Amino acid sequence: MDVSAATSLFARLDREIWLLTSQADGRRGGLIATFVNQASIVPEMPRVVVGLAKQHHTWELVQASGVFALHLLGQRHLEWVWRFGLSSARREDKFAGLEARPGVTNCPLLPDALGWLECRVEAALDTGDRTVYLAEVIDGRVVSDDPPLTVARMLQLAPADKLADLKRQMNEDAAVDAAAIRRWRQS
């Protein structure tokens, strides 16, 4: 099997960076997500599809609450990428010092994002390493017309220490994900 074609094709894509937040049972969390897509072309019935790895604290919150908020990030939010992408809410409050307010779903909203969407899960698909959620958009706001931060731009701007941490964590996550996919395929 030649997986190099898939790797090569995916390397051509430059995904926008989203911050996904959720809250359940008095706990809150957030993570950086790049598996986020529009899932409906019906303007009055907007939907999204997101994929969340099961080892993350925020996945537990979405599972428990059935709701999440998506925040589209711009270049000025680069520090949020490190805050929400390189640490765990199991060990620290990622929202410390940020102005977060509860939305209609009670998910933490960060009003300084380029925009945000509050979502309610309609369906979930277990794929072994992650859960793919189909969700109804129930509220949202566009805050700024600034261009979204993309993965390529984030990598260009990353300080060497953050880039090293990111690569290390991605390798660790890939190992966890690979084992989960193998178990799922065998079940």
C-alpha atoms as a PDB file:
ATOM      1  CA  MET A   1       0.000   0.000   0.000  1.00  0.00           C
ATOM      2  CA  ASP A   2       1.400   3.382  -1.017  1.00  0.00           C
ATOM      3  CA  VAL A   3       0.266   5.998   1.498  1.00  0.00           C
ATOM      4  CA  SER A   4       2.676   8.602   0.134  1.00  0.00           C
ATOM      5  CA  ALA A   5       0.020   9.891  -2.314  1.00  0.00           C
ATOM      6  CA  ALA A   6      -2.381  10.625   0.548  1.00  0.00           C
ATOM      7  CA  THR A   7       0.377  12.295   2.558  1.00  0.00           C
ATOM      8  CA  SER A   8       1.422  14.342  -0.468  1.00  0.00           C
ATOM      9  CA  LEU A   9      -2.120  15.446  -1.306  1.00  0.00           C
ATOM     10  CA  PHE A  10      -2.987  16.363   2.275  1.00  0.00           C
ATOM     11  CA  ALA A  11       0.247  18.394   2.505  1.00  0.00           C
ATOM     12  CA  ARG A  12      -1.136  20.666  -0.238  1.00  0.00           C
ATOM     13  CA  LEU A  13      -4.088  21.718   1.921  1.00  0.00           C
ATOM     14  CA  ASP A  14      -3.893  24.690   4.247  1.00  0.00           C
ATOM     15  CA  ARG A  15      -6.633  24.395   6.852  1.00  0.00           C
ATOM     16  CA  GLU A  16      -7.901  27.286   8.925  1.00  0.00           C
ATOM     17  CA  ILE A  17      -7.384  27.022  12.665  1.00  0.00           C
ATOM     18  CA  TRP A  18     -10.383  26.821  14.984  1.00  0.00           C
ATOM     19  CA  LEU A  19     -10.555  26.840  18.761  1.00  0.00           C
ATOM     20  CA  LEU A  20     -13.264  24.459  19.993  1.00  0.00           C
ATOM     21  CA  THR A  21     -14.562  24.961  23.543  1.00  0.00           C
ATOM     22  CA  SER A  22     -17.031  23.039  25.655  1.00  0.00           C
ATOM     23  CA  GLN A  23     -18.245  22.762  29.232  1.00  0.00           C
ATOM     24  CA  ALA A  24     -19.849  19.997  31.292  1.00  0.00           C
ATOM     25  CA  ASP A  25     -20.342  19.261  34.971  1.00  0.00           C
ATOM     26  CA  GLY A  26     -18.581  22.457  36.068  1.00  0.00           C
ATOM     27  CA  ARG A  27     -15.507  21.679  33.947  1.00  0.00           C
ATOM     28  CA  ARG A  28     -14.486  23.623  30.857  1.00  0.00           C
ATOM     29  CA  GLY A  29     -11.908  23.072  28.182  1.00  0.00           C
ATOM     30  CA  GLY A  30     -10.812  23.878  24.704  1.00  0.00           C
ATOM     31  CA  LEU A  31      -8.565  22.560  21.976  1.00  0.00           C
ATOM     32  CA  ILE A  32      -7.229  23.597  18.594  1.00  0.00           C
ATOM     33  CA  ALA A  33      -9.141  21.917  15.776  1.00  0.00           C
ATOM     34  CA  THR A  34      -8.402  21.711  12.068  1.00  0.00           C
ATOM     35  CA  PHE A  35     -10.977  18.994  11.263  1.00  0.00           C
ATOM     36  CA  VAL A  36     -13.880  21.451  10.954  1.00  0.00           C
ATOM     37  CA  ASN A  37     -16.120  21.712   7.899  1.00  0.00           C
ATOM     38  CA  GLN A  38     -19.419  23.178   6.840  1.00  0.00           C
ATOM     39  CA  ALA A  39     -21.911  20.324   6.540  1.00  0.00           C
ATOM     40  CA  SER A  40     -24.987  21.951   4.991  1.00  0.00           C
ATOM     41  CA  ILE A  41     -25.657  24.296   2.089  1.00  0.00           C
ATOM     42  CA  VAL A  42     -29.094  25.207   3.457  1.00  0.00           C
ATOM     43  CA  PRO A  43     -28.665  28.793   4.754  1.00  0.00           C
ATOM     44  CA  GLU A  44     -31.428  28.549   7.344  1.00  0.00           C
ATOM     45  CA  MET A  45     -30.151  25.182   8.642  1.00  0.00           C
ATOM     46  CA  PRO A  46     -26.376  25.558   9.092  1.00  0.00           C
ATOM     47  CA  ARG A  47     -24.442  22.509  10.254  1.00  0.00           C
ATOM     48  CA  VAL A  48     -20.815  21.622  10.854  1.00  0.00           C
ATOM     49  CA  VAL A  49     -18.819  18.438  11.086  1.00  0.00           C
ATOM     50  CA  VAL A  50     -15.831  18.211  13.432  1.00  0.00           C
ATOM     51  CA  GLY A  51     -13.521  15.400  14.443  1.00  0.00           C
ATOM     52  CA  LEU A  52     -12.131  15.182  17.979  1.00  0.00           C
ATOM     53  CA  ALA A  53      -9.524  12.733  19.231  1.00  0.00           C
ATOM     54  CA  LYS A  54     -10.808  10.712  22.168  1.00  0.00           C
ATOM     55  CA  GLN A  55      -7.761  11.221  24.383  1.00  0.00           C
ATOM     56  CA  HIS A  56      -8.463  14.929  24.835  1.00  0.00           C
ATOM     57  CA  HIS A  57     -10.225  16.437  27.845  1.00  0.00           C
ATOM     58  CA  THR A  58     -12.428  18.555  25.562  1.00  0.00           C
ATOM     59  CA  TRP A  59     -13.704  15.392  23.838  1.00  0.00           C
ATOM     60  CA  GLU A  60     -14.975  14.237  27.260  1.00  0.00           C
ATOM     61  CA  LEU A  61     -16.803  17.551  27.704  1.00  0.00           C
ATOM     62  CA  VAL A  62     -18.481  17.354  24.291  1.00  0.00           C
ATOM     63  CA  GLN A  63     -19.473  13.745  24.965  1.00  0.00           C
ATOM     64  CA  ALA A  64     -21.033  14.737  28.311  1.00  0.00           C
ATOM     65  CA  SER A  65     -22.740  17.958  27.212  1.00  0.00           C
ATOM     66  CA  GLY A  66     -23.551  17.426  23.535  1.00  0.00           C
ATOM     67  CA  VAL A  67     -22.568  21.037  22.772  1.00  0.00           C
ATOM     68  CA  PHE A  68     -19.504  22.983  21.722  1.00  0.00           C
ATOM     69  CA  ALA A  69     -18.463  26.372  20.405  1.00  0.00           C
ATOM     70  CA  LEU A  70     -16.137  26.997  17.473  1.00  0.00           C
ATOM     71  CA  HIS A  71     -13.990  30.137  17.340  1.00  0.00           C
ATOM     72  CA  LEU A  72     -12.292  31.080  14.076  1.00  0.00           C
ATOM     73  CA  LEU A  73      -8.811  32.385  14.877  1.00  0.00           C
ATOM     74  CA  GLY A  74      -6.759  35.086  13.199  1.00  0.00           C
ATOM     75  CA  GLN A  75      -3.045  35.766  13.314  1.00  0.00           C
ATOM     76  CA  ARG A  76      -3.513  37.943  16.404  1.00  0.00           C
ATOM     77  CA  HIS A  77      -4.685  34.814  18.264  1.00  0.00           C
ATOM     78  CA  LEU A  78      -1.429  32.905  17.813  1.00  0.00           C
ATOM     79  CA  GLU A  79      -0.889  32.813  21.588  1.00  0.00           C
ATOM     80  CA  TRP A  80      -4.261  31.018  21.903  1.00  0.00           C
ATOM     81  CA  VAL A  81      -2.914  28.279  19.616  1.00  0.00           C
ATOM     82  CA  TRP A  82      -0.131  27.566  22.105  1.00  0.00           C
ATOM     83  CA  ARG A  83      -2.397  27.950  25.154  1.00  0.00           C
ATOM     84  CA  PHE A  84      -5.128  25.637  23.873  1.00  0.00           C
ATOM     85  CA  GLY A  85      -2.990  23.389  21.679  1.00  0.00           C
ATOM     86  CA  LEU A  86       0.020  22.582  23.832  1.00  0.00           C
ATOM     87  CA  SER A  87      -1.439  22.176  27.323  1.00  0.00           C
ATOM     88  CA  SER A  88      -4.142  20.081  28.925  1.00  0.00           C
ATOM     89  CA  ALA A  89      -7.212  21.357  30.766  1.00  0.00           C
ATOM     90  CA  ARG A  90      -6.796  18.326  33.016  1.00  0.00           C
ATOM     91  CA  ARG A  91      -3.778  20.120  34.517  1.00  0.00           C
ATOM     92  CA  GLU A  92      -4.552  23.839  34.148  1.00  0.00           C
ATOM     93  CA  ASP A  93      -7.292  26.336  33.389  1.00  0.00           C
ATOM     94  CA  LYS A  94      -6.662  27.286  29.772  1.00  0.00           C
ATOM     95  CA  PHE A  95      -9.059  30.231  30.135  1.00  0.00           C
ATOM     96  CA  ALA A  96      -7.141  31.899  32.996  1.00  0.00           C
ATOM     97  CA  GLY A  97      -6.790  35.608  32.231  1.00  0.00           C
ATOM     98  CA  LEU A  98      -9.033  35.487  29.151  1.00  0.00           C
ATOM     99  CA  GLU A  99     -12.402  37.179  28.880  1.00  0.00           C
ATOM    100  CA  ALA A 100     -14.704  34.175  28.430  1.00  0.00           C
ATOM    101  CA  ARG A 101     -18.472  34.338  28.776  1.00  0.00           C
ATOM    102  CA  PRO A 102     -21.079  31.586  28.598  1.00  0.00           C
ATOM    103  CA  GLY A 103     -23.066  31.351  25.392  1.00  0.00           C
ATOM    104  CA  VAL A 104     -26.613  30.064  24.941  1.00  0.00           C
ATOM    105  CA  THR A 105     -25.261  26.506  25.218  1.00  0.00           C
ATOM    106  CA  ASN A 106     -23.203  27.486  28.291  1.00  0.00           C
ATOM    107  CA  CYS A 107     -20.016  26.833  26.295  1.00  0.00           C
ATOM    108  CA  PRO A 108     -17.250  29.322  27.008  1.00  0.00           C
ATOM    109  CA  LEU A 109     -17.169  31.992  24.286  1.00  0.00           C
ATOM    110  CA  LEU A 110     -14.149  34.154  23.579  1.00  0.00           C
ATOM    111  CA  PRO A 111     -15.618  37.300  22.028  1.00  0.00           C
ATOM    112  CA  ASP A 112     -12.267  38.468  20.608  1.00  0.00           C
ATOM    113  CA  ALA A 113     -12.167  35.646  18.012  1.00  0.00           C
ATOM    114  CA  LEU A 114     -12.806  36.519  14.352  1.00  0.00           C
ATOM    115  CA  GLY A 115     -16.176  34.897  14.849  1.00  0.00           C
ATOM    116  CA  TRP A 116     -17.808  32.042  16.679  1.00  0.00           C
ATOM    117  CA  LEU A 117     -20.498  29.383  16.260  1.00  0.00           C
ATOM    118  CA  GLU A 118     -22.349  27.586  19.024  1.00  0.00           C
ATOM    119  CA  CYS A 119     -23.295  24.051  18.088  1.00  0.00           C
ATOM    120  CA  ARG A 120     -25.485  21.203  19.339  1.00  0.00           C
ATOM    121  CA  VAL A 121     -24.469  17.655  18.425  1.00  0.00           C
ATOM    122  CA  GLU A 122     -27.002  15.880  16.208  1.00  0.00           C
ATOM    123  CA  ALA A 123     -25.030  12.699  15.454  1.00  0.00           C
ATOM    124  CA  ALA A 124     -21.720  11.120  16.367  1.00  0.00           C
ATOM    125  CA  LEU A 125     -19.633   8.540  14.536  1.00  0.00           C
ATOM    126  CA  ASP A 126     -16.950   6.558  16.357  1.00  0.00           C
ATOM    127  CA  THR A 127     -13.961   6.058  14.046  1.00  0.00           C
ATOM    128  CA  GLY A 128     -11.631   4.414  16.530  1.00  0.00           C
ATOM    129  CA  ASP A 129      -9.183   7.248  17.173  1.00  0.00           C
ATOM    130  CA  ARG A 130     -11.748  10.024  17.243  1.00  0.00           C
ATOM    131  CA  THR A 131     -15.407  10.887  17.167  1.00  0.00           C
ATOM    132  CA  VAL A 132     -16.796  12.728  14.177  1.00  0.00           C
ATOM    133  CA  TYR A 133     -19.649  14.990  15.246  1.00  0.00           C
ATOM    134  CA  LEU A 134     -22.395  16.399  13.021  1.00  0.00           C
ATOM    135  CA  ALA A 135     -23.779  19.460  14.756  1.00  0.00           C
ATOM    136  CA  GLU A 136     -26.477  22.052  14.271  1.00  0.00           C
ATOM    137  CA  VAL A 137     -25.292  25.658  14.474  1.00  0.00           C
ATOM    138  CA  ILE A 138     -27.665  27.346  16.921  1.00  0.00           C
ATOM    139  CA  ASP A 139     -25.977  30.733  17.329  1.00  0.00           C
ATOM    140  CA  GLY A 140     -23.022  32.625  15.990  1.00  0.00           C
ATOM    141  CA  ARG A 141     -21.445  35.951  15.234  1.00  0.00           C
ATOM    142  CA  VAL A 142     -18.902  37.418  12.831  1.00  0.00           C
ATOM    143  CA  VAL A 143     -16.679  39.796  14.788  1.00  0.00           C
ATOM    144  CA  SER A 144     -13.911  40.688  12.328  1.00  0.00           C
ATOM    145  CA  ASP A 145     -13.165  40.492   8.610  1.00  0.00           C
ATOM    146  CA  ASP A 146      -9.479  39.746   9.278  1.00  0.00           C
ATOM    147  CA  PRO A 147      -8.216  36.674   7.399  1.00  0.00           C
ATOM    148  CA  PRO A 148      -8.242  33.394   9.322  1.00  0.00           C
ATOM    149  CA  LEU A 149      -5.021  31.919  10.643  1.00  0.00           C
ATOM    150  CA  THR A 150      -4.052  28.825   8.659  1.00  0.00           C
ATOM    151  CA  VAL A 151      -1.842  25.917   9.601  1.00  0.00           C
ATOM    152  CA  ALA A 152       0.899  27.008   7.162  1.00  0.00           C
ATOM    153  CA  ARG A 153       0.941  30.553   8.517  1.00  0.00           C
ATOM    154  CA  MET A 154       0.940  29.315  12.115  1.00  0.00           C
ATOM    155  CA  LEU A 155       3.966  27.132  11.346  1.00  0.00           C
ATOM    156  CA  GLN A 156       5.756  30.102   9.766  1.00  0.00           C
ATOM    157  CA  LEU A 157       5.131  32.229  12.860  1.00  0.00           C
ATOM    158  CA  ALA A 158       5.884  29.542  15.447  1.00  0.00           C
ATOM    159  CA  PRO A 159       8.871  30.145  17.720  1.00  0.00           C
ATOM    160  CA  ALA A 160      11.325  27.235  17.684  1.00  0.00           C
ATOM    161  CA  ASP A 161      10.347  26.006  21.168  1.00  0.00           C
ATOM    162  CA  LYS A 162       6.610  25.982  20.347  1.00  0.00           C
ATOM    163  CA  LEU A 163       7.270  24.247  17.022  1.00  0.00           C
ATOM    164  CA  ALA A 164       9.312  21.560  18.786  1.00  0.00           C
ATOM    165  CA  ASP A 165       6.536  21.042  21.376  1.00  0.00           C
ATOM    166  CA  LEU A 166       3.928  20.887  18.617  1.00  0.00           C
ATOM    167  CA  LYS A 167       5.863  18.283  16.622  1.00  0.00           C
ATOM    168  CA  ARG A 168       6.518  16.185  19.737  1.00  0.00           C
ATOM    169  CA  GLN A 169       2.837  16.235  20.754  1.00  0.00           C
ATOM    170  CA  MET A 170       1.673  15.471  17.224  1.00  0.00           C
ATOM    171  CA  ASN A 171       3.971  12.430  17.124  1.00  0.00           C
ATOM    172  CA  GLU A 172       2.666  11.258  20.512  1.00  0.00           C
ATOM    173  CA  ASP A 173      -0.946  11.784  19.401  1.00  0.00           C
ATOM    174  CA  ALA A 174      -0.283   9.961  16.117  1.00  0.00           C
ATOM    175  CA  ALA A 175       0.968   6.916  18.040  1.00  0.00           C
ATOM    176  CA  VAL A 176      -2.139   6.916  20.269  1.00  0.00           C
ATOM    177  CA  ASP A 177      -4.402   7.407  17.237  1.00  0.00           C
ATOM    178  CA  ALA A 178      -2.719   4.623  15.236  1.00  0.00           C
ATOM    179  CA  ALA A 179      -3.223   2.130  18.069  1.00  0.00           C
ATOM    180  CA  ALA A 180      -6.885   3.177  18.418  1.00  0.00           C
ATOM    181  CA  ILE A 181      -7.494   2.819  14.677  1.00  0.00           C
ATOM    182  CA  ARG A 182      -5.934  -0.666  14.653  1.00  0.00           C
ATOM    183  CA  ARG A 183      -8.126  -1.780  17.594  1.00  0.00           C
ATOM    184  CA  TRP A 184     -11.228  -0.311  15.939  1.00  0.00           C
ATOM    185  CA  ARG A 185     -10.483  -2.013  12.614  1.00  0.00           C
ATOM    186  CA  GLN A 186     -10.063  -5.364  14.357  1.00  0.00           C
ATOM    187  CA  SER A 187     -13.321  -5.102  16.299  1.00  0.00           C
END
